[in-house]
Structures are given as structure tokens and as C-alpha cells.
Amino acid sequence: MMQHKAEPQDILAVFREAIPAFQVLSDKTRQDIILLLDEHEETGLNVNEIAEKLPLSRPAISHHLKNLKQAGLVDVRQHGTGNYYYLTLLQAVEHMKHLISLLENNCELK
């Protein structure tokens, strides 16, 4: 069964919605943070724990975490007096899968 072709403006809208995730994922430090959080998915990590594992200051780590949170790739929960960051990749990954599907079904792949 053949897939219905999407309108170019619909594909463009999906591209535009993906921009925040693509922007934050293009940074190597943020990629490192994502992998660290994945290794500690059950407990999450606080800024100090991330800073112990990466050669960055706590303010720099906080800045990267803020960007990841704004893009919807991480979230934070309070535990005691600390804030622990954890991954929330599902929506971003589903959005990227949708974009890939649109491209596969509507663009000539060579």
C-alpha cells in the first residue's frame, strides 16, 4: 500500500519543531551529559556529580542542563535538598522518527 504524500509545508513544520532538539544535540558536552544520565537512569545525577565526571565547572554544567531541559531532553526532580537530572528523550525521539518517516516517504532517497 502506498503512503500518502505529505504537503511540503507539513514536512517543513516538523523540521522546524525539531530545531531545538537538533541544536542541543549538536554540542559534544551535551552529548556527554546525555550519556552520563543514561548510565544513571534510575537515580539521576546532580550538577556536582556531573561536574566530577566532566572537565567543566558547575555553572557550565548548569547552563548545559538548562538548555537540555528547555529542549525537553532532560527534567529535574528534587530529592532531599538536591536536584537530580534525568533523561526525558521519548518525545524528542518520537518526533525525530516522525521526521525520518516523512522524509523516507516523501523525498527521493539516493
PDB file of N, CA and C in Angstrom:
ATOM      1  N   MET A   1       0.830  -1.167   0.000  1.00  0.00           N
ATOM      2  CA  MET A   1       0.000   0.000   0.000  1.00  0.00           C
ATOM      3  C   MET A   1       0.886   1.247   0.000  1.00  0.00           C
ATOM      4  N   MET A   2       0.552   2.189  -0.832  1.00  0.00           N
ATOM      5  CA  MET A   2       1.356   3.379  -0.977  1.00  0.00           C
ATOM      6  C   MET A   2       1.010   4.427   0.079  1.00  0.00           C
ATOM      7  N   GLN A   3       2.045   5.076   0.584  1.00  0.00           N
ATOM      8  CA  GLN A   3       1.864   6.124   1.583  1.00  0.00           C
ATOM      9  C   GLN A   3       1.379   7.405   0.910  1.00  0.00           C
ATOM     10  N   HIS A   4       0.521   8.125   1.584  1.00  0.00           N
ATOM     11  CA  HIS A   4       0.062   9.428   1.120  1.00  0.00           C
ATOM     12  C   HIS A   4       1.211  10.427   1.239  1.00  0.00           C
ATOM     13  N   LYS A   5       1.425  11.199   0.197  1.00  0.00           N
ATOM     14  CA  LYS A   5       2.479  12.216   0.220  1.00  0.00           C
ATOM     15  C   LYS A   5       2.041  13.377   1.104  1.00  0.00           C
ATOM     16  N   ALA A   6       2.943  13.801   1.949  1.00  0.00           N
ATOM     17  CA  ALA A   6       2.674  14.949   2.819  1.00  0.00           C
ATOM     18  C   ALA A   6       2.928  16.238   2.048  1.00  0.00           C
ATOM     19  N   GLU A   7       2.275  17.271   2.470  1.00  0.00           N
ATOM     20  CA  GLU A   7       2.477  18.592   1.868  1.00  0.00           C
ATOM     21  C   GLU A   7       3.836  19.132   2.326  1.00  0.00           C
ATOM     22  N   PRO A   8       4.536  19.835   1.436  1.00  0.00           N
ATOM     23  CA  PRO A   8       5.846  20.386   1.825  1.00  0.00           C
ATOM     24  C   PRO A   8       5.791  21.248   3.090  1.00  0.00           C
ATOM     25  N   GLN A   9       4.738  22.033   3.254  1.00  0.00           N
ATOM     26  CA  GLN A   9       4.661  22.885   4.442  1.00  0.00           C
ATOM     27  C   GLN A   9       4.496  22.050   5.719  1.00  0.00           C
ATOM     28  N   ASP A  10       3.883  20.860   5.597  1.00  0.00           N
ATOM     29  CA  ASP A  10       3.751  19.982   6.761  1.00  0.00           C
ATOM     30  C   ASP A  10       5.103  19.388   7.149  1.00  0.00           C
ATOM     31  N   ILE A  11       5.873  19.000   6.145  1.00  0.00           N
ATOM     32  CA  ILE A  11       7.218  18.473   6.402  1.00  0.00           C
ATOM     33  C   ILE A  11       8.084  19.568   7.015  1.00  0.00           C
ATOM     34  N   LEU A  12       7.987  20.765   6.456  1.00  0.00           N
ATOM     35  CA  LEU A  12       8.759  21.893   6.972  1.00  0.00           C
ATOM     36  C   LEU A  12       8.388  22.191   8.422  1.00  0.00           C
ATOM     37  N   ALA A  13       7.120  22.090   8.762  1.00  0.00           N
ATOM     38  CA  ALA A  13       6.684  22.328  10.145  1.00  0.00           C
ATOM     39  C   ALA A  13       7.315  21.315  11.094  1.00  0.00           C
ATOM     40  N   VAL A  14       7.404  20.064  10.677  1.00  0.00           N
ATOM     41  CA  VAL A  14       8.028  19.030  11.518  1.00  0.00           C
ATOM     42  C   VAL A  14       9.518  19.311  11.666  1.00  0.00           C
ATOM     43  N   PHE A  15      10.163  19.728  10.569  1.00  0.00           N
ATOM     44  CA  PHE A  15      11.565  20.142  10.658  1.00  0.00           C
ATOM     45  C   PHE A  15      11.735  21.252  11.688  1.00  0.00           C
ATOM     46  N   ARG A  16      10.909  22.269  11.602  1.00  0.00           N
ATOM     47  CA  ARG A  16      11.022  23.436  12.483  1.00  0.00           C
ATOM     48  C   ARG A  16      10.820  23.044  13.953  1.00  0.00           C
ATOM     49  N   GLU A  17       9.895  22.132  14.205  1.00  0.00           N
ATOM     50  CA  GLU A  17       9.655  21.693  15.580  1.00  0.00           C
ATOM     51  C   GLU A  17      10.843  20.928  16.147  1.00  0.00           C
ATOM     52  N   ALA A  18      11.646  20.337  15.272  1.00  0.00           N
ATOM     53  CA  ALA A  18      12.799  19.544  15.708  1.00  0.00           C
ATOM     54  C   ALA A  18      14.044  20.396  15.962  1.00  0.00           C
ATOM     55  N   ILE A  19      14.012  21.653  15.567  1.00  0.00           N
ATOM     56  CA  ILE A  19      15.201  22.502  15.674  1.00  0.00           C
ATOM     57  C   ILE A  19      15.767  22.549  17.096  1.00  0.00           C
ATOM     58  N   PRO A  20      14.967  22.775  18.150  1.00  0.00           N
ATOM     59  CA  PRO A  20      15.565  22.842  19.496  1.00  0.00           C
ATOM     60  C   PRO A  20      16.342  21.568  19.871  1.00  0.00           C
ATOM     61  N   ALA A  21      15.792  20.414  19.562  1.00  0.00           N
ATOM     62  CA  ALA A  21      16.494  19.161  19.888  1.00  0.00           C
ATOM     63  C   ALA A  21      17.771  19.031  19.071  1.00  0.00           C
ATOM     64  N   PHE A  22      17.692  19.346  17.774  1.00  0.00           N
ATOM     65  CA  PHE A  22      18.895  19.265  16.939  1.00  0.00           C
ATOM     66  C   PHE A  22      19.979  20.217  17.437  1.00  0.00           C
ATOM     67  N   GLN A  23      19.583  21.413  17.836  1.00  0.00           N
ATOM     68  CA  GLN A  23      20.566  22.386  18.315  1.00  0.00           C
ATOM     69  C   GLN A  23      21.272  21.901  19.574  1.00  0.00           C
ATOM     70  N   VAL A  24      20.531  21.409  20.541  1.00  0.00           N
ATOM     71  CA  VAL A  24      21.189  20.982  21.781  1.00  0.00           C
ATOM     72  C   VAL A  24      21.986  19.700  21.571  1.00  0.00           C
ATOM     73  N   LEU A  25      21.537  18.845  20.675  1.00  0.00           N
ATOM     74  CA  LEU A  25      22.250  17.593  20.428  1.00  0.00           C
ATOM     75  C   LEU A  25      23.533  17.784  19.628  1.00  0.00           C
ATOM     76  N   SER A  26      23.706  18.950  19.027  1.00  0.00           N
ATOM     77  CA  SER A  26      24.912  19.191  18.229  1.00  0.00           C
ATOM     78  C   SER A  26      26.134  19.494  19.096  1.00  0.00           C
ATOM     79  N   ASP A  27      25.927  19.713  20.378  1.00  0.00           N
ATOM     80  CA  ASP A  27      27.011  20.057  21.284  1.00  0.00           C
ATOM     81  C   ASP A  27      27.587  18.792  21.934  1.00  0.00           C
ATOM     82  N   LYS A  28      28.908  18.619  21.846  1.00  0.00           N
ATOM     83  CA  LYS A  28      29.558  17.411  22.376  1.00  0.00           C
ATOM     84  C   LYS A  28      29.397  17.278  23.890  1.00  0.00           C
ATOM     85  N   THR A  29      29.453  18.391  24.607  1.00  0.00           N
ATOM     86  CA  THR A  29      29.292  18.334  26.066  1.00  0.00           C
ATOM     87  C   THR A  29      27.895  17.848  26.422  1.00  0.00           C
ATOM     88  N   ARG A  30      26.896  18.329  25.707  1.00  0.00           N
ATOM     89  CA  ARG A  30      25.526  17.900  25.981  1.00  0.00           C
ATOM     90  C   ARG A  30      25.354  16.428  25.635  1.00  0.00           C
ATOM     91  N   GLN A  31      26.031  15.975  24.605  1.00  0.00           N
ATOM     92  CA  GLN A  31      26.002  14.552  24.278  1.00  0.00           C
ATOM     93  C   GLN A  31      26.603  13.750  25.428  1.00  0.00           C
ATOM     94  N   ASP A  32      27.719  14.235  25.979  1.00  0.00           N
ATOM     95  CA  ASP A  32      28.347  13.563  27.128  1.00  0.00           C
ATOM     96  C   ASP A  32      27.399  13.519  28.322  1.00  0.00           C
ATOM     97  N   ILE A  33      26.705  14.623  28.567  1.00  0.00           N
ATOM     98  CA  ILE A  33      25.768  14.677  29.693  1.00  0.00           C
ATOM     99  C   ILE A  33      24.629  13.687  29.490  1.00  0.00           C
ATOM    100  N   ILE A  34      24.111  13.603  28.272  1.00  0.00           N
ATOM    101  CA  ILE A  34      23.039  12.648  27.978  1.00  0.00           C
ATOM    102  C   ILE A  34      23.509  11.220  28.256  1.00  0.00           C
ATOM    103  N   LEU A  35      24.713  10.886  27.823  1.00  0.00           N
ATOM    104  CA  LEU A  35      25.221   9.531  28.057  1.00  0.00           C
ATOM    105  C   LEU A  35      25.445   9.258  29.542  1.00  0.00           C
ATOM    106  N   LEU A  36      25.929  10.266  30.272  1.00  0.00           N
ATOM    107  CA  LEU A  36      26.092  10.102  31.728  1.00  0.00           C
ATOM    108  C   LEU A  36      24.746   9.869  32.403  1.00  0.00           C
ATOM    109  N   LEU A  37      23.751  10.664  32.033  1.00  0.00           N
ATOM    110  CA  LEU A  37      22.428  10.494  32.635  1.00  0.00           C
ATOM    111  C   LEU A  37      21.830   9.143  32.282  1.00  0.00           C
ATOM    112  N   ASP A  38      22.126   8.658  31.083  1.00  0.00           N
ATOM    113  CA  ASP A  38      21.636   7.334  30.703  1.00  0.00           C
ATOM    114  C   ASP A  38      22.256   6.246  31.582  1.00  0.00           C
ATOM    115  N   GLU A  39      23.521   6.405  31.919  1.00  0.00           N
ATOM    116  CA  GLU A  39      24.201   5.432  32.791  1.00  0.00           C
ATOM    117  C   GLU A  39      23.621   5.427  34.202  1.00  0.00           C
ATOM    118  N   HIS A  40      22.977   6.526  34.581  1.00  0.00           N
ATOM    119  CA  HIS A  40      22.425   6.665  35.932  1.00  0.00           C
ATOM    120  C   HIS A  40      20.927   6.923  35.863  1.00  0.00           C
ATOM    121  N   GLU A  41      20.261   6.188  34.976  1.00  0.00           N
ATOM    122  CA  GLU A  41      18.841   6.455  34.725  1.00  0.00           C
ATOM    123  C   GLU A  41      17.955   6.237  35.944  1.00  0.00           C
ATOM    124  N   GLU A  42      18.319   5.332  36.822  1.00  0.00           N
ATOM    125  CA  GLU A  42      17.460   5.046  37.973  1.00  0.00           C
ATOM    126  C   GLU A  42      17.510   6.145  39.027  1.00  0.00           C
ATOM    127  N   THR A  43      18.689   6.719  39.243  1.00  0.00           N
ATOM    128  CA  THR A  43      18.838   7.713  40.300  1.00  0.00           C
ATOM    129  C   THR A  43      18.940   9.138  39.784  1.00  0.00           C
ATOM    130  N   GLY A  44      19.388   9.297  38.546  1.00  0.00           N
ATOM    131  CA  GLY A  44      19.681  10.627  38.036  1.00  0.00           C
ATOM    132  C   GLY A  44      20.987  11.123  38.635  1.00  0.00           C
ATOM    133  N   LEU A  45      21.403  12.290  38.227  1.00  0.00           N
ATOM    134  CA  LEU A  45      22.633  12.893  38.744  1.00  0.00           C
ATOM    135  C   LEU A  45      22.376  14.355  39.070  1.00  0.00           C
ATOM    136  N   ASN A  46      23.078  14.849  40.082  1.00  0.00           N
ATOM    137  CA  ASN A  46      23.002  16.281  40.351  1.00  0.00           C
ATOM    138  C   ASN A  46      24.181  16.973  39.661  1.00  0.00           C
ATOM    139  N   VAL A  47      24.185  18.290  39.695  1.00  0.00           N
ATOM    140  CA  VAL A  47      25.217  19.058  38.990  1.00  0.00           C
ATOM    141  C   VAL A  47      26.609  18.696  39.495  1.00  0.00           C
ATOM    142  N   ASN A  48      26.772  18.535  40.800  1.00  0.00           N
ATOM    143  CA  ASN A  48      28.086  18.189  41.354  1.00  0.00           C
ATOM    144  C   ASN A  48      28.573  16.838  40.837  1.00  0.00           C
ATOM    145  N   GLU A  49      27.681  15.868  40.757  1.00  0.00           N
ATOM    146  CA  GLU A  49      28.068  14.535  40.280  1.00  0.00           C
ATOM    147  C   GLU A  49      28.472  14.576  38.810  1.00  0.00           C
ATOM    148  N   ILE A  50      27.769  15.374  38.037  1.00  0.00           N
ATOM    149  CA  ILE A  50      28.137  15.519  36.618  1.00  0.00           C
ATOM    150  C   ILE A  50      29.481  16.231  36.507  1.00  0.00           C
ATOM    151  N   ALA A  51      29.688  17.263  37.317  1.00  0.00           N
ATOM    152  CA  ALA A  51      30.943  18.019  37.290  1.00  0.00           C
ATOM    153  C   ALA A  51      32.144  17.154  37.672  1.00  0.00           C
ATOM    154  N   GLU A  52      31.928  16.148  38.522  1.00  0.00           N
ATOM    155  CA  GLU A  52      33.013  15.228  38.895  1.00  0.00           C
ATOM    156  C   GLU A  52      33.447  14.371  37.714  1.00  0.00           C
ATOM    157  N   LYS A  53      32.548  14.170  36.756  1.00  0.00           N
ATOM    158  CA  LYS A  53      32.825  13.268  35.647  1.00  0.00           C
ATOM    159  C   LYS A  53      33.224  13.994  34.357  1.00  0.00           C
ATOM    160  N   LEU A  54      33.010  15.299  34.310  1.00  0.00           N
ATOM    161  CA  LEU A  54      33.335  16.080  33.118  1.00  0.00           C
ATOM    162  C   LEU A  54      34.264  17.236  33.490  1.00  0.00           C
ATOM    163  N   PRO A  55      35.135  17.634  32.567  1.00  0.00           N
ATOM    164  CA  PRO A  55      36.074  18.723  32.871  1.00  0.00           C
ATOM    165  C   PRO A  55      35.450  20.108  32.686  1.00  0.00           C
ATOM    166  N   LEU A  56      34.329  20.339  33.376  1.00  0.00           N
ATOM    167  CA  LEU A  56      33.633  21.619  33.291  1.00  0.00           C
ATOM    168  C   LEU A  56      33.262  22.102  34.685  1.00  0.00           C
ATOM    169  N   SER A  57      33.073  23.403  34.789  1.00  0.00           N
ATOM    170  CA  SER A  57      32.640  23.973  36.065  1.00  0.00           C
ATOM    171  C   SER A  57      31.167  23.671  36.302  1.00  0.00           C
ATOM    172  N   ARG A  58      30.755  23.791  37.549  1.00  0.00           N
ATOM    173  CA  ARG A  58      29.332  23.599  37.869  1.00  0.00           C
ATOM    174  C   ARG A  58      28.447  24.588  37.124  1.00  0.00           C
ATOM    175  N   PRO A  59      28.826  25.879  37.031  1.00  0.00           N
ATOM    176  CA  PRO A  59      27.980  26.803  36.270  1.00  0.00           C
ATOM    177  C   PRO A  59      27.846  26.403  34.788  1.00  0.00           C
ATOM    178  N   ALA A  60      28.923  25.903  34.210  1.00  0.00           N
ATOM    179  CA  ALA A  60      28.865  25.469  32.807  1.00  0.00           C
ATOM    180  C   ALA A  60      27.929  24.269  32.661  1.00  0.00           C
ATOM    181  N   ILE A  61      28.027  23.338  33.586  1.00  0.00           N
ATOM    182  CA  ILE A  61      27.141  22.159  33.553  1.00  0.00           C
ATOM    183  C   ILE A  61      25.689  22.602  33.725  1.00  0.00           C
ATOM    184  N   SER A  62      25.445  23.511  34.650  1.00  0.00           N
ATOM    185  CA  SER A  62      24.084  24.010  34.865  1.00  0.00           C
ATOM    186  C   SER A  62      23.530  24.656  33.601  1.00  0.00           C
ATOM    187  N   HIS A  63      24.371  25.388  32.892  1.00  0.00           N
ATOM    188  CA  HIS A  63      23.962  26.018  31.636  1.00  0.00           C
ATOM    189  C   HIS A  63      23.550  24.960  30.608  1.00  0.00           C
ATOM    190  N   HIS A  64      24.358  23.922  30.464  1.00  0.00           N
ATOM    191  CA  HIS A  64      24.042  22.851  29.511  1.00  0.00           C
ATOM    192  C   HIS A  64      22.763  22.115  29.915  1.00  0.00           C
ATOM    193  N   LEU A  65      22.602  21.862  31.204  1.00  0.00           N
ATOM    194  CA  LEU A  65      21.390  21.191  31.680  1.00  0.00           C
ATOM    195  C   LEU A  65      20.150  22.046  31.423  1.00  0.00           C
ATOM    196  N   LYS A  66      20.285  23.338  31.594  1.00  0.00           N
ATOM    197  CA  LYS A  66      19.168  24.251  31.321  1.00  0.00           C
ATOM    198  C   LYS A  66      18.757  24.149  29.846  1.00  0.00           C
ATOM    199  N   ASN A  67      19.743  24.131  28.948  1.00  0.00           N
ATOM    200  CA  ASN A  67      19.439  24.001  27.517  1.00  0.00           C
ATOM    201  C   ASN A  67      18.790  22.658  27.194  1.00  0.00           C
ATOM    202  N   LEU A  68      19.297  21.601  27.797  1.00  0.00           N
ATOM    203  CA  LEU A  68      18.709  20.278  27.572  1.00  0.00           C
ATOM    204  C   LEU A  68      17.282  20.219  28.107  1.00  0.00           C
ATOM    205  N   LYS A  69      17.049  20.858  29.237  1.00  0.00           N
ATOM    206  CA  LYS A  69      15.702  20.881  29.822  1.00  0.00           C
ATOM    207  C   LYS A  69      14.744  21.684  28.950  1.00  0.00           C
ATOM    208  N   GLN A  70      15.184  22.824  28.455  1.00  0.00           N
ATOM    209  CA  GLN A  70      14.336  23.648  27.589  1.00  0.00           C
ATOM    210  C   GLN A  70      13.964  22.917  26.303  1.00  0.00           C
ATOM    211  N   ALA A  71      14.848  22.060  25.825  1.00  0.00           N
ATOM    212  CA  ALA A  71      14.574  21.282  24.611  1.00  0.00           C
ATOM    213  C   ALA A  71      13.761  20.026  24.907  1.00  0.00           C
ATOM    214  N   GLY A  72      13.492  19.761  26.199  1.00  0.00           N
ATOM    215  CA  GLY A  72      12.681  18.613  26.576  1.00  0.00           C
ATOM    216  C   GLY A  72      13.426  17.292  26.628  1.00  0.00           C
ATOM    217  N   LEU A  73      14.756  17.349  26.706  1.00  0.00           N
ATOM    218  CA  LEU A  73      15.547  16.121  26.710  1.00  0.00           C
ATOM    219  C   LEU A  73      15.906  15.645  28.117  1.00  0.00           C
ATOM    220  N   VAL A  74      15.845  16.543  29.086  1.00  0.00           N
ATOM    221  CA  VAL A  74      16.052  16.163  30.484  1.00  0.00           C
ATOM    222  C   VAL A  74      15.007  16.871  31.330  1.00  0.00           C
ATOM    223  N   ASP A  75      14.835  16.358  32.527  1.00  0.00           N
ATOM    224  CA  ASP A  75      13.989  17.021  33.517  1.00  0.00           C
ATOM    225  C   ASP A  75      14.687  16.876  34.858  1.00  0.00           C
ATOM    226  N   VAL A  76      14.131  17.503  35.856  1.00  0.00           N
ATOM    227  CA  VAL A  76      14.765  17.518  37.169  1.00  0.00           C
ATOM    228  C   VAL A  76      13.728  17.158  38.230  1.00  0.00           C
ATOM    229  N   ARG A  77      14.179  16.412  39.220  1.00  0.00           N
ATOM    230  CA  ARG A  77      13.314  16.124  40.368  1.00  0.00           C
ATOM    231  C   ARG A  77      14.113  16.454  41.617  1.00  0.00           C
ATOM    232  N   GLN A  78      13.412  16.952  42.615  1.00  0.00           N
ATOM    233  CA  GLN A  78      14.066  17.282  43.873  1.00  0.00           C
ATOM    234  C   GLN A  78      14.052  16.055  44.767  1.00  0.00           C
ATOM    235  N   HIS A  79      15.201  15.763  45.340  1.00  0.00           N
ATOM    236  CA  HIS A  79      15.329  14.658  46.280  1.00  0.00           C
ATOM    237  C   HIS A  79      16.097  15.204  47.472  1.00  0.00           C
ATOM    238  N   GLY A  80      15.426  15.323  48.584  1.00  0.00           N
ATOM    239  CA  GLY A  80      16.052  15.955  49.746  1.00  0.00           C
ATOM    240  C   GLY A  80      16.325  17.411  49.418  1.00  0.00           C
ATOM    241  N   THR A  81      17.579  17.813  49.568  1.00  0.00           N
ATOM    242  CA  THR A  81      17.934  19.196  49.253  1.00  0.00           C
ATOM    243  C   THR A  81      18.563  19.335  47.876  1.00  0.00           C
ATOM    244  N   GLY A  82      18.668  18.224  47.144  1.00  0.00           N
ATOM    245  CA  GLY A  82      19.332  18.274  45.843  1.00  0.00           C
ATOM    246  C   GLY A  82      18.378  18.117  44.668  1.00  0.00           C
ATOM    247  N   ASN A  83      18.791  18.652  43.531  1.00  0.00           N
ATOM    248  CA  ASN A  83      18.068  18.482  42.275  1.00  0.00           C
ATOM    249  C   ASN A  83      18.789  17.443  41.435  1.00  0.00           C
ATOM    250  N   TYR A  84      18.058  16.433  41.010  1.00  0.00           N
ATOM    251  CA  TYR A  84      18.636  15.347  40.231  1.00  0.00           C
ATOM    252  C   TYR A  84      18.037  15.353  38.831  1.00  0.00           C
ATOM    253  N   TYR A  85      18.920  15.339  37.850  1.00  0.00           N
ATOM    254  CA  TYR A  85      18.519  15.396  36.450  1.00  0.00           C
ATOM    255  C   TYR A  85      18.413  13.994  35.880  1.00  0.00           C
ATOM    256  N   TYR A  86      17.443  13.807  35.011  1.00  0.00           N
ATOM    257  CA  TYR A  86      17.228  12.516  34.368  1.00  0.00           C
ATOM    258  C   TYR A  86      16.739  12.757  32.938  1.00  0.00           C
ATOM    259  N   LEU A  87      16.885  11.736  32.112  1.00  0.00           N
ATOM    260  CA  LEU A  87      16.523  11.851  30.698  1.00  0.00           C
ATOM    261  C   LEU A  87      15.022  11.771  30.487  1.00  0.00           C
ATOM    262  N   THR A  88      14.560  12.546  29.525  1.00  0.00           N
ATOM    263  CA  THR A  88      13.168  12.510  29.074  1.00  0.00           C
ATOM    264  C   THR A  88      13.187  12.559  27.544  1.00  0.00           C
ATOM    265  N   LEU A  89      13.795  11.578  26.938  1.00  0.00           N
ATOM    266  CA  LEU A  89      14.044  11.584  25.499  1.00  0.00           C
ATOM    267  C   LEU A  89      12.875  11.109  24.640  1.00  0.00           C
ATOM    268  N   LEU A  90      11.894  10.468  25.221  1.00  0.00           N
ATOM    269  CA  LEU A  90      10.863   9.797  24.437  1.00  0.00           C
ATOM    270  C   LEU A  90      10.200  10.718  23.416  1.00  0.00           C
ATOM    271  N   GLN A  91       9.734  11.863  23.835  1.00  0.00           N
ATOM    272  CA  GLN A  91       9.035  12.754  22.912  1.00  0.00           C
ATOM    273  C   GLN A  91       9.961  13.227  21.790  1.00  0.00           C
ATOM    274  N   ALA A  92      11.196  13.586  22.116  1.00  0.00           N
ATOM    275  CA  ALA A  92      12.143  14.042  21.097  1.00  0.00           C
ATOM    276  C   ALA A  92      12.460  12.920  20.113  1.00  0.00           C
ATOM    277  N   VAL A  93      12.653  11.710  20.609  1.00  0.00           N
ATOM    278  CA  VAL A  93      12.950  10.578  19.731  1.00  0.00           C
ATOM    279  C   VAL A  93      11.753  10.268  18.832  1.00  0.00           C
ATOM    280  N   GLU A  94      10.557  10.293  19.391  1.00  0.00           N
ATOM    281  CA  GLU A  94       9.359  10.048  18.577  1.00  0.00           C
ATOM    282  C   GLU A  94       9.209  11.122  17.498  1.00  0.00           C
ATOM    283  N   HIS A  95       9.517  12.350  17.845  1.00  0.00           N
ATOM    284  CA  HIS A  95       9.439  13.441  16.870  1.00  0.00           C
ATOM    285  C   HIS A  95      10.451  13.219  15.741  1.00  0.00           C
ATOM    286  N   MET A  96      11.674  12.807  16.093  1.00  0.00           N
ATOM    287  CA  MET A  96      12.695  12.549  15.072  1.00  0.00           C
ATOM    288  C   MET A  96      12.307  11.369  14.193  1.00  0.00           C
ATOM    289  N   LYS A  97      11.704  10.337  14.780  1.00  0.00           N
ATOM    290  CA  LYS A  97      11.222   9.199  13.989  1.00  0.00           C
ATOM    291  C   LYS A  97      10.161   9.654  12.997  1.00  0.00           C
ATOM    292  N   HIS A  98       9.269  10.530  13.438  1.00  0.00           N
ATOM    293  CA  HIS A  98       8.231  11.063  12.561  1.00  0.00           C
ATOM    294  C   HIS A  98       8.868  11.830  11.400  1.00  0.00           C
ATOM    295  N   LEU A  99       9.860  12.652  11.707  1.00  0.00           N
ATOM    296  CA  LEU A  99      10.561  13.404  10.667  1.00  0.00           C
ATOM    297  C   LEU A  99      11.234  12.461   9.680  1.00  0.00           C
ATOM    298  N   ILE A 100      11.914  11.445  10.162  1.00  0.00           N
ATOM    299  CA  ILE A 100      12.573  10.476   9.286  1.00  0.00           C
ATOM    300  C   ILE A 100      11.549   9.764   8.414  1.00  0.00           C
ATOM    301  N   SER A 101      10.436   9.374   8.990  1.00  0.00           N
ATOM    302  CA  SER A 101       9.377   8.713   8.228  1.00  0.00           C
ATOM    303  C   SER A 101       8.853   9.623   7.116  1.00  0.00           C
ATOM    304  N   LEU A 102       8.618  10.891   7.443  1.00  0.00           N
ATOM    305  CA  LEU A 102       8.164  11.834   6.423  1.00  0.00           C
ATOM    306  C   LEU A 102       9.185  11.963   5.294  1.00  0.00           C
ATOM    307  N   LEU A 103      10.440  12.040   5.650  1.00  0.00           N
ATOM    308  CA  LEU A 103      11.482  12.160   4.634  1.00  0.00           C
ATOM    309  C   LEU A 103      11.559  10.906   3.769  1.00  0.00           C
ATOM    310  N   GLU A 104      11.497   9.743   4.403  1.00  0.00           N
ATOM    311  CA  GLU A 104      11.549   8.485   3.649  1.00  0.00           C
ATOM    312  C   GLU A 104      10.385   8.352   2.683  1.00  0.00           C
ATOM    313  N   ASN A 105       9.207   8.796   3.114  1.00  0.00           N
ATOM    314  CA  ASN A 105       8.005   8.620   2.296  1.00  0.00           C
ATOM    315  C   ASN A 105       7.763   9.735   1.289  1.00  0.00           C
ATOM    316  N   ASN A 106       8.475  10.841   1.430  1.00  0.00           N
ATOM    317  CA  ASN A 106       8.157  11.985   0.575  1.00  0.00           C
ATOM    318  C   ASN A 106       9.335  12.524  -0.234  1.00  0.00           C
ATOM    319  N   CYS A 107      10.533  12.086   0.087  1.00  0.00           N
ATOM    320  CA  CYS A 107      11.706  12.584  -0.619  1.00  0.00           C
ATOM    321  C   CYS A 107      12.397  11.439  -1.328  1.00  0.00           C
ATOM    322  N   GLU A 108      12.968  11.743  -2.458  1.00  0.00           N
ATOM    323  CA  GLU A 108      13.700  10.720  -3.202  1.00  0.00           C
ATOM    324  C   GLU A 108      15.022  10.451  -2.488  1.00  0.00           C
ATOM    325  N   LEU A 109      15.223   9.215  -2.095  1.00  0.00           N
ATOM    326  CA  LEU A 109      16.441   8.824  -1.393  1.00  0.00           C
ATOM    327  C   LEU A 109      17.414   8.224  -2.393  1.00  0.00           C
ATOM    328  N   LYS A 110      18.611   8.706  -2.383  1.00  0.00           N
ATOM    329  CA  LYS A 110      19.639   8.200  -3.324  1.00  0.00           C
ATOM    330  C   LYS A 110      20.812   7.688  -2.558  1.00  0.00           C
TER     331      LYS A 110
END
